[in-house]
PDB file of N, CA and C in Angstrom:
ATOM      1  N   UNK A   1      73.633 -28.824  49.934  1.00  0.00           N
ATOM      2  CA  UNK A   1      73.534 -29.779  48.659  1.00  0.00           C
ATOM      3  C   UNK A   1      74.221 -27.713  47.988  1.00  0.00           C
ATOM      4  N   UNK A   2      74.776 -27.814  47.509  1.00  0.00           N
ATOM      5  CA  UNK A   2      74.670 -26.433  46.772  1.00  0.00           C
ATOM      6  C   UNK A   2      74.940 -26.693  45.103  1.00  0.00           C
ATOM      7  N   UNK A   3      74.851 -25.321  44.263  1.00  0.00           N
ATOM      8  CA  UNK A   3      74.405 -26.450  42.389  1.00  0.00           C
ATOM      9  C   UNK A   3      75.446 -27.085  42.751  1.00  0.00           C
ATOM     10  N   UNK A   4      76.293 -25.842  42.724  1.00  0.00           N
ATOM     11  CA  UNK A   4      78.156 -26.537  42.408  1.00  0.00           C
ATOM     12  C   UNK A   4      77.988 -27.436  43.132  1.00  0.00           C
ATOM     13  N   UNK A   5      78.077 -28.564  43.508  1.00  0.00           N
ATOM     14  CA  UNK A   5      78.110 -29.865  44.636  1.00  0.00           C
ATOM     15  C   UNK A   5      77.041 -30.966  43.476  1.00  0.00           C
ATOM     16  N   UNK A   6      77.343 -32.292  42.804  1.00  0.00           N
ATOM     17  CA  UNK A   6      76.426 -32.977  42.933  1.00  0.00           C
ATOM     18  C   UNK A   6      76.409 -34.243  44.344  1.00  0.00           C
ATOM     19  N   UNK A   7      75.127 -35.209  43.946  1.00  0.00           N
ATOM     20  CA  UNK A   7      74.529 -36.273  44.500  1.00  0.00           C
ATOM     21  C   UNK A   7      76.367 -37.027  45.150  1.00  0.00           C
ATOM     22  N   UNK A   8      76.954 -37.031  43.886  1.00  0.00           N
ATOM     23  CA  UNK A   8      78.304 -37.541  44.534  1.00  0.00           C
ATOM     24  C   UNK A   8      78.652 -36.826  45.069  1.00  0.00           C
ATOM     25  N   UNK A   9      79.962 -35.760  45.397  1.00  0.00           N
ATOM     26  CA  UNK A   9      80.127 -35.436  46.342  1.00  0.00           C
ATOM     27  C   UNK A   9      80.741 -34.246  45.959  1.00  0.00           C
ATOM     28  N   UNK A  10      81.865 -33.569  46.483  1.00  0.00           N
ATOM     29  CA  UNK A  10      81.490 -31.652  46.214  1.00  0.00           C
ATOM     30  C   UNK A  10      82.021 -31.082  44.676  1.00  0.00           C
ATOM     31  N   UNK A  11      82.095 -30.496  45.291  1.00  0.00           N
ATOM     32  CA  UNK A  11      82.092 -29.553  43.621  1.00  0.00           C
ATOM     33  C   UNK A  11      84.171 -30.257  43.090  1.00  0.00           C
ATOM     34  N   UNK A  12      83.381 -30.138  41.671  1.00  0.00           N
ATOM     35  CA  UNK A  12      84.519 -30.928  41.305  1.00  0.00           C
ATOM     36  C   UNK A  12      84.409 -31.738  40.811  1.00  0.00           C
ATOM     37  N   UNK A  13      83.723 -32.215  41.914  1.00  0.00           N
ATOM     38  CA  UNK A  13      84.344 -34.690  41.855  1.00  0.00           C
ATOM     39  C   UNK A  13      83.318 -35.653  40.692  1.00  0.00           C
ATOM     40  N   UNK A  14      82.766 -34.162  40.558  1.00  0.00           N
ATOM     41  CA  UNK A  14      81.731 -35.128  39.408  1.00  0.00           C
ATOM     42  C   UNK A  14      80.408 -34.745  39.154  1.00  0.00           C
ATOM     43  N   UNK A  15      80.477 -32.866  38.720  1.00  0.00           N
ATOM     44  CA  UNK A  15      79.732 -32.747  38.156  1.00  0.00           C
ATOM     45  C   UNK A  15      78.066 -33.024  37.566  1.00  0.00           C
ATOM     46  N   UNK A  16      77.695 -32.912  37.580  1.00  0.00           N
ATOM     47  CA  UNK A  16      75.934 -33.073  36.563  1.00  0.00           C
ATOM     48  C   UNK A  16      75.355 -31.603  35.874  1.00  0.00           C
ATOM     49  N   UNK A  17      74.987 -31.732  34.527  1.00  0.00           N
ATOM     50  CA  UNK A  17      74.350 -30.525  34.014  1.00  0.00           C
ATOM     51  C   UNK A  17      73.218 -30.592  34.850  1.00  0.00           C
ATOM     52  N   UNK A  18      72.325 -29.231  34.233  1.00  0.00           N
ATOM     53  CA  UNK A  18      71.367 -28.295  35.108  1.00  0.00           C
ATOM     54  C   UNK A  18      70.221 -30.068  34.353  1.00  0.00           C
ATOM     55  N   UNK A  19      69.567 -29.926  35.400  1.00  0.00           N
ATOM     56  CA  UNK A  19      68.549 -31.030  34.815  1.00  0.00           C
ATOM     57  C   UNK A  19      67.330 -30.014  35.257  1.00  0.00           C
ATOM     58  N   UNK A  20      67.292 -28.505  34.672  1.00  0.00           N
ATOM     59  CA  UNK A  20      65.961 -27.935  34.655  1.00  0.00           C
ATOM     60  C   UNK A  20      65.240 -28.299  33.355  1.00  0.00           C
ATOM     61  N   UNK A  21      64.305 -28.475  33.122  1.00  0.00           N
ATOM     62  CA  UNK A  21      63.011 -29.330  31.916  1.00  0.00           C
ATOM     63  C   UNK A  21      62.036 -28.407  31.638  1.00  0.00           C
ATOM     64  N   UNK A  22      62.637 -26.896  31.109  1.00  0.00           N
ATOM     65  CA  UNK A  22      60.961 -26.621  31.214  1.00  0.00           C
ATOM     66  C   UNK A  22      59.577 -28.294  30.035  1.00  0.00           C
ATOM     67  N   UNK A  23      58.810 -27.504  30.084  1.00  0.00           N
ATOM     68  CA  UNK A  23      57.669 -28.659  30.188  1.00  0.00           C
ATOM     69  C   UNK A  23      57.654 -28.745  28.083  1.00  0.00           C
ATOM     70  N   UNK A  24      58.050 -27.140  27.929  1.00  0.00           N
ATOM     71  CA  UNK A  24      57.982 -26.742  27.034  1.00  0.00           C
ATOM     72  C   UNK A  24      59.462 -27.777  25.497  1.00  0.00           C
ATOM     73  N   UNK A  25      60.630 -27.934  26.585  1.00  0.00           N
ATOM     74  CA  UNK A  25      61.698 -27.963  26.182  1.00  0.00           C
ATOM     75  C   UNK A  25      61.438 -29.637  26.550  1.00  0.00           C
ATOM     76  N   UNK A  26      61.286 -30.297  27.374  1.00  0.00           N
ATOM     77  CA  UNK A  26      60.407 -31.321  27.990  1.00  0.00           C
ATOM     78  C   UNK A  26      60.033 -32.000  26.585  1.00  0.00           C
ATOM     79  N   UNK A  27      58.565 -31.297  25.870  1.00  0.00           N
ATOM     80  CA  UNK A  27      58.041 -32.127  25.354  1.00  0.00           C
ATOM     81  C   UNK A  27      59.074 -32.154  23.353  1.00  0.00           C
ATOM     82  N   UNK A  28      59.936 -31.424  23.425  1.00  0.00           N
ATOM     83  CA  UNK A  28      60.521 -31.268  21.581  1.00  0.00           C
ATOM     84  C   UNK A  28      61.107 -32.050  22.379  1.00  0.00           C
ATOM     85  N   UNK A  29      61.878 -32.083  22.923  1.00  0.00           N
ATOM     86  CA  UNK A  29      62.699 -33.634  23.212  1.00  0.00           C
ATOM     87  C   UNK A  29      62.541 -34.783  23.140  1.00  0.00           C
ATOM     88  N   UNK A  30      61.493 -34.982  23.547  1.00  0.00           N
ATOM     89  CA  UNK A  30      60.432 -36.497  22.699  1.00  0.00           C
ATOM     90  C   UNK A  30      60.757 -36.633  22.098  1.00  0.00           C
ATOM     91  N   UNK A  31      60.040 -35.154  20.895  1.00  0.00           N
ATOM     92  CA  UNK A  31      59.468 -35.713  19.568  1.00  0.00           C
ATOM     93  C   UNK A  31      61.088 -35.953  18.766  1.00  0.00           C
ATOM     94  N   UNK A  32      62.744 -34.858  19.738  1.00  0.00           N
ATOM     95  CA  UNK A  32      63.729 -34.932  19.022  1.00  0.00           C
ATOM     96  C   UNK A  32      63.918 -37.353  19.007  1.00  0.00           C
ATOM     97  N   UNK A  33      63.423 -37.887  20.217  1.00  0.00           N
ATOM     98  CA  UNK A  33      64.315 -38.341  20.411  1.00  0.00           C
ATOM     99  C   UNK A  33      63.413 -39.229  19.347  1.00  0.00           C
ATOM    100  N   UNK A  34      61.825 -38.177  18.424  1.00  0.00           N
ATOM    101  CA  UNK A  34      61.419 -40.076  18.334  1.00  0.00           C
ATOM    102  C   UNK A  34      61.975 -39.653  16.459  1.00  0.00           C
ATOM    103  N   UNK A  35      62.866 -38.784  16.301  1.00  0.00           N
ATOM    104  CA  UNK A  35      62.543 -38.213  15.738  1.00  0.00           C
ATOM    105  C   UNK A  35      64.333 -39.087  14.912  1.00  0.00           C
ATOM    106  N   UNK A  36      65.145 -39.472  16.238  1.00  0.00           N
ATOM    107  CA  UNK A  36      66.250 -40.123  16.273  1.00  0.00           C
ATOM    108  C   UNK A  36      66.254 -41.762  16.027  1.00  0.00           C
ATOM    109  N   UNK A  37      65.492 -42.019  16.764  1.00  0.00           N
ATOM    110  CA  UNK A  37      64.568 -43.827  17.269  1.00  0.00           C
ATOM    111  C   UNK A  37      64.665 -43.745  15.278  1.00  0.00           C
ATOM    112  N   UNK A  38      64.090 -43.396  14.512  1.00  0.00           N
ATOM    113  CA  UNK A  38      63.069 -43.494  13.149  1.00  0.00           C
ATOM    114  C   UNK A  38      63.890 -43.522  12.387  1.00  0.00           C
ATOM    115  N   UNK A  39      65.142 -43.066  12.730  1.00  0.00           N
ATOM    116  CA  UNK A  39      66.148 -42.379  11.756  1.00  0.00           C
ATOM    117  C   UNK A  39      66.906 -43.702  11.158  1.00  0.00           C
ATOM    118  N   UNK A  40      66.782 -44.266   9.083  1.00  0.00           N
ATOM    119  CA  UNK A  40      67.842 -44.917   9.002  1.00  0.00           C
ATOM    120  C   UNK A  40      67.849 -44.551   8.230  1.00  0.00           C
ATOM    121  N   UNK A  41      69.585 -45.894   8.149  1.00  0.00           N
ATOM    122  CA  UNK A  41      69.628 -45.145   5.949  1.00  0.00           C
ATOM    123  C   UNK A  41      68.923 -45.501   5.176  1.00  0.00           C
ATOM    124  N   UNK A  42      68.930 -44.201   3.502  1.00  0.00           N
ATOM    125  CA  UNK A  42      67.193 -44.931   3.167  1.00  0.00           C
ATOM    126  C   UNK A  42      68.130 -46.679   2.804  1.00  0.00           C
ATOM    127  N   UNK A  43      66.336 -46.986   2.860  1.00  0.00           N
ATOM    128  CA  UNK A  43      66.110 -47.863   2.631  1.00  0.00           C
ATOM    129  C   UNK A  43      66.436 -48.889   3.284  1.00  0.00           C
ATOM    130  N   UNK A  44      66.317 -48.769   4.895  1.00  0.00           N
ATOM    131  CA  UNK A  44      66.304 -49.383   5.773  1.00  0.00           C
ATOM    132  C   UNK A  44      64.609 -48.916   7.115  1.00  0.00           C
ATOM    133  N   UNK A  45      64.147 -49.932   7.440  1.00  0.00           N
ATOM    134  CA  UNK A  45      63.257 -49.031   7.929  1.00  0.00           C
ATOM    135  C   UNK A  45      64.019 -49.503   9.561  1.00  0.00           C
ATOM    136  N   UNK A  46      63.099 -48.780  10.408  1.00  0.00           N
ATOM    137  CA  UNK A  46      63.572 -48.861  11.723  1.00  0.00           C
ATOM    138  C   UNK A  46      63.334 -50.851  12.445  1.00  0.00           C
ATOM    139  N   UNK A  47      63.949 -50.302  13.225  1.00  0.00           N
ATOM    140  CA  UNK A  47      63.736 -52.080  13.964  1.00  0.00           C
ATOM    141  C   UNK A  47      62.611 -51.869  15.435  1.00  0.00           C
ATOM    142  N   UNK A  48      62.311 -53.185  15.857  1.00  0.00           N
ATOM    143  CA  UNK A  48      60.238 -53.513  15.723  1.00  0.00           C
ATOM    144  C   UNK A  48      60.893 -53.036  17.674  1.00  0.00           C
ATOM    145  N   UNK A  49      62.405 -52.514  18.494  1.00  0.00           N
ATOM    146  CA  UNK A  49      62.189 -51.794  19.185  1.00  0.00           C
ATOM    147  C   UNK A  49      62.235 -50.635  19.390  1.00  0.00           C
ATOM    148  N   UNK A  50      62.840 -49.319  18.130  1.00  0.00           N
ATOM    149  CA  UNK A  50      62.883 -47.714  18.282  1.00  0.00           C
ATOM    150  C   UNK A  50      61.074 -47.826  17.203  1.00  0.00           C
ATOM    151  N   UNK A  51      61.011 -48.724  17.091  1.00  0.00           N
ATOM    152  CA  UNK A  51      58.946 -48.666  16.836  1.00  0.00           C
ATOM    153  C   UNK A  51      58.412 -48.233  18.197  1.00  0.00           C
ATOM    154  N   UNK A  52      58.767 -49.174  19.005  1.00  0.00           N
ATOM    155  CA  UNK A  52      57.995 -49.443  19.941  1.00  0.00           C
ATOM    156  C   UNK A  52      58.117 -48.838  21.506  1.00  0.00           C
ATOM    157  N   UNK A  53      58.924 -47.374  21.321  1.00  0.00           N
ATOM    158  CA  UNK A  53      59.448 -46.636  21.783  1.00  0.00           C
ATOM    159  C   UNK A  53      59.070 -45.275  20.783  1.00  0.00           C
ATOM    160  N   UNK A  54      58.768 -45.297  20.446  1.00  0.00           N
ATOM    161  CA  UNK A  54      58.436 -44.161  19.589  1.00  0.00           C
ATOM    162  C   UNK A  54      57.065 -43.871  19.312  1.00  0.00           C
ATOM    163  N   UNK A  55      56.536 -44.768  19.502  1.00  0.00           N
ATOM    164  CA  UNK A  55      55.082 -44.387  19.447  1.00  0.00           C
ATOM    165  C   UNK A  55      54.477 -43.468  20.961  1.00  0.00           C
ATOM    166  N   UNK A  56      54.709 -44.886  22.097  1.00  0.00           N
ATOM    167  CA  UNK A  56      54.426 -43.337  22.806  1.00  0.00           C
ATOM    168  C   UNK A  56      55.443 -42.435  23.234  1.00  0.00           C
ATOM    169  N   UNK A  57      56.217 -42.307  22.658  1.00  0.00           N
ATOM    170  CA  UNK A  57      57.316 -40.813  23.086  1.00  0.00           C
ATOM    171  C   UNK A  57      56.729 -39.723  22.097  1.00  0.00           C
ATOM    172  N   UNK A  58      55.843 -40.588  21.321  1.00  0.00           N
ATOM    173  CA  UNK A  58      55.683 -39.486  20.024  1.00  0.00           C
ATOM    174  C   UNK A  58      54.501 -38.904  20.954  1.00  0.00           C
ATOM    175  N   UNK A  59      53.692 -40.014  21.386  1.00  0.00           N
ATOM    176  CA  UNK A  59      51.856 -39.610  21.988  1.00  0.00           C
ATOM    177  C   UNK A  59      52.479 -38.637  23.199  1.00  0.00           C
ATOM    178  N   UNK A  60      53.783 -39.109  23.788  1.00  0.00           N
ATOM    179  CA  UNK A  60      54.214 -38.067  25.211  1.00  0.00           C
ATOM    180  C   UNK A  60      53.953 -36.849  25.429  1.00  0.00           C
ATOM    181  N   UNK A  61      54.806 -36.343  23.601  1.00  0.00           N
ATOM    182  CA  UNK A  61      55.533 -35.011  22.899  1.00  0.00           C
ATOM    183  C   UNK A  61      54.199 -34.397  22.563  1.00  0.00           C
ATOM    184  N   UNK A  62      53.551 -34.280  22.271  1.00  0.00           N
ATOM    185  CA  UNK A  62      52.746 -34.341  21.183  1.00  0.00           C
ATOM    186  C   UNK A  62      51.830 -33.771  23.065  1.00  0.00           C
ATOM    187  N   UNK A  63      51.198 -34.411  23.531  1.00  0.00           N
ATOM    188  CA  UNK A  63      50.708 -34.401  24.952  1.00  0.00           C
ATOM    189  C   UNK A  63      51.007 -33.440  25.944  1.00  0.00           C
ATOM    190  N   UNK A  64      51.880 -33.288  25.924  1.00  0.00           N
ATOM    191  CA  UNK A  64      53.580 -31.942  26.667  1.00  0.00           C
ATOM    192  C   UNK A  64      52.996 -30.973  26.489  1.00  0.00           C
ATOM    193  N   UNK A  65      53.115 -31.047  25.063  1.00  0.00           N
ATOM    194  CA  UNK A  65      53.072 -29.672  24.080  1.00  0.00           C
ATOM    195  C   UNK A  65      51.532 -29.289  23.833  1.00  0.00           C
ATOM    196  N   UNK A  66      51.450 -29.749  23.765  1.00  0.00           N
ATOM    197  CA  UNK A  66      49.705 -29.385  23.978  1.00  0.00           C
ATOM    198  C   UNK A  66      48.922 -28.586  25.309  1.00  0.00           C
ATOM    199  N   UNK A  67      49.413 -29.506  26.427  1.00  0.00           N
ATOM    200  CA  UNK A  67      49.406 -28.712  27.541  1.00  0.00           C
ATOM    201  C   UNK A  67      49.918 -27.449  27.903  1.00  0.00           C
ATOM    202  N   UNK A  68      50.795 -27.594  27.716  1.00  0.00           N
ATOM    203  CA  UNK A  68      51.788 -26.403  27.727  1.00  0.00           C
ATOM    204  C   UNK A  68      51.132 -24.902  26.856  1.00  0.00           C
ATOM    205  N   UNK A  69      50.506 -25.053  25.865  1.00  0.00           N
ATOM    206  CA  UNK A  69      50.753 -24.152  24.596  1.00  0.00           C
ATOM    207  C   UNK A  69      48.358 -24.191  25.976  1.00  0.00           C
ATOM    208  N   UNK A  70      48.156 -24.932  26.090  1.00  0.00           N
ATOM    209  CA  UNK A  70      46.808 -24.321  26.169  1.00  0.00           C
ATOM    210  C   UNK A  70      46.177 -23.540  26.399  1.00  0.00           C
ATOM    211  N   UNK A  71      44.513 -22.715  25.931  1.00  0.00           N
ATOM    212  CA  UNK A  71      44.526 -22.123  27.129  1.00  0.00           C
ATOM    213  C   UNK A  71      43.584 -22.085  28.655  1.00  0.00           C
ATOM    214  N   UNK A  72      43.446 -24.017  28.691  1.00  0.00           N
ATOM    215  CA  UNK A  72      42.741 -24.223  29.935  1.00  0.00           C
ATOM    216  C   UNK A  72      44.188 -24.689  30.617  1.00  0.00           C
ATOM    217  N   UNK A  73      45.319 -24.247  30.948  1.00  0.00           N
ATOM    218  CA  UNK A  73      46.356 -24.538  31.664  1.00  0.00           C
ATOM    219  C   UNK A  73      46.540 -23.132  32.347  1.00  0.00           C
ATOM    220  N   UNK A  74      45.564 -22.114  32.050  1.00  0.00           N
ATOM    221  CA  UNK A  74      45.970 -20.165  32.316  1.00  0.00           C
ATOM    222  C   UNK A  74      45.351 -20.007  33.720  1.00  0.00           C
ATOM    223  N   UNK A  75      46.505 -19.921  34.491  1.00  0.00           N
ATOM    224  CA  UNK A  75      45.599 -19.601  36.250  1.00  0.00           C
ATOM    225  C   UNK A  75      44.708 -19.124  36.264  1.00  0.00           C
ATOM    226  N   UNK A  76      43.271 -17.924  35.905  1.00  0.00           N
ATOM    227  CA  UNK A  76      42.817 -17.212  35.482  1.00  0.00           C
ATOM    228  C   UNK A  76      41.276 -18.983  35.803  1.00  0.00           C
ATOM    229  N   UNK A  77      41.641 -19.602  34.670  1.00  0.00           N
ATOM    230  CA  UNK A  77      40.658 -20.819  34.302  1.00  0.00           C
ATOM    231  C   UNK A  77      40.658 -21.187  35.551  1.00  0.00           C
ATOM    232  N   UNK A  78      41.922 -21.627  36.223  1.00  0.00           N
ATOM    233  CA  UNK A  78      42.550 -22.974  37.167  1.00  0.00           C
ATOM    234  C   UNK A  78      41.817 -22.168  38.718  1.00  0.00           C
ATOM    235  N   UNK A  79      41.872 -21.087  38.425  1.00  0.00           N
ATOM    236  CA  UNK A  79      40.733 -20.712  39.474  1.00  0.00           C
ATOM    237  C   UNK A  79      39.845 -21.141  39.450  1.00  0.00           C
ATOM    238  N   UNK A  80      39.059 -20.509  38.700  1.00  0.00           N
ATOM    239  CA  UNK A  80      37.080 -20.406  38.514  1.00  0.00           C
ATOM    240  C   UNK A  80      36.637 -21.099  38.768  1.00  0.00           C
ATOM    241  N   UNK A  81      37.767 -22.888  38.193  1.00  0.00           N
ATOM    242  CA  UNK A  81      36.961 -24.113  38.522  1.00  0.00           C
ATOM    243  C   UNK A  81      36.632 -24.305  39.644  1.00  0.00           C
ATOM    244  N   UNK A  82      38.287 -24.110  40.468  1.00  0.00           N
ATOM    245  CA  UNK A  82      38.684 -24.474  41.323  1.00  0.00           C
ATOM    246  C   UNK A  82      37.531 -23.991  42.530  1.00  0.00           C
ATOM    247  N   UNK A  83      36.906 -22.691  42.714  1.00  0.00           N
ATOM    248  CA  UNK A  83      35.323 -22.577  43.196  1.00  0.00           C
ATOM    249  C   UNK A  83      34.695 -22.921  42.569  1.00  0.00           C
ATOM    250  N   UNK A  84      34.289 -22.916  41.103  1.00  0.00           N
ATOM    251  CA  UNK A  84      32.979 -23.326  41.056  1.00  0.00           C
ATOM    252  C   UNK A  84      32.936 -24.511  41.643  1.00  0.00           C
ATOM    253  N   UNK A  85      34.330 -26.310  41.701  1.00  0.00           N
ATOM    254  CA  UNK A  85      34.442 -27.004  42.700  1.00  0.00           C
ATOM    255  C   UNK A  85      33.282 -27.183  44.028  1.00  0.00           C
ATOM    256  N   UNK A  86      34.456 -25.851  44.367  1.00  0.00           N
ATOM    257  CA  UNK A  86      34.678 -25.936  45.997  1.00  0.00           C
ATOM    258  C   UNK A  86      32.374 -25.035  46.718  1.00  0.00           C
ATOM    259  N   UNK A  87      31.886 -24.434  44.777  1.00  0.00           N
ATOM    260  CA  UNK A  87      30.677 -24.174  46.010  1.00  0.00           C
ATOM    261  C   UNK A  87      29.582 -25.256  45.032  1.00  0.00           C
ATOM    262  N   UNK A  88      30.578 -25.996  44.807  1.00  0.00           N
ATOM    263  CA  UNK A  88      29.337 -27.439  44.313  1.00  0.00           C
ATOM    264  C   UNK A  88      29.533 -28.513  45.331  1.00  0.00           C
ATOM    265  N   UNK A  89      29.970 -28.177  45.940  1.00  0.00           N
ATOM    266  CA  UNK A  89      29.745 -29.173  47.587  1.00  0.00           C
ATOM    267  C   UNK A  89      29.179 -28.745  48.659  1.00  0.00           C
TER     268      UNK A  89
END
């Protein structure tokens, strides 16, 4: 299947948008969803369902963004940890 084709058929029959989401974009998308779901008119409280899903989305968004920017996410650190693990076996 080429990039111009979708699972629905040949190009033009049902193209899908780009589905490439880097971690930073994905984390920010979670946070935007939280703000959008909790945004209400002045004086109104968000609904029960909005609150229910805002909390895990907030947690996930923050977690993803912290992991993306973490110094522990660097390749040299991972390589050292793997070598330490293997040498201890």
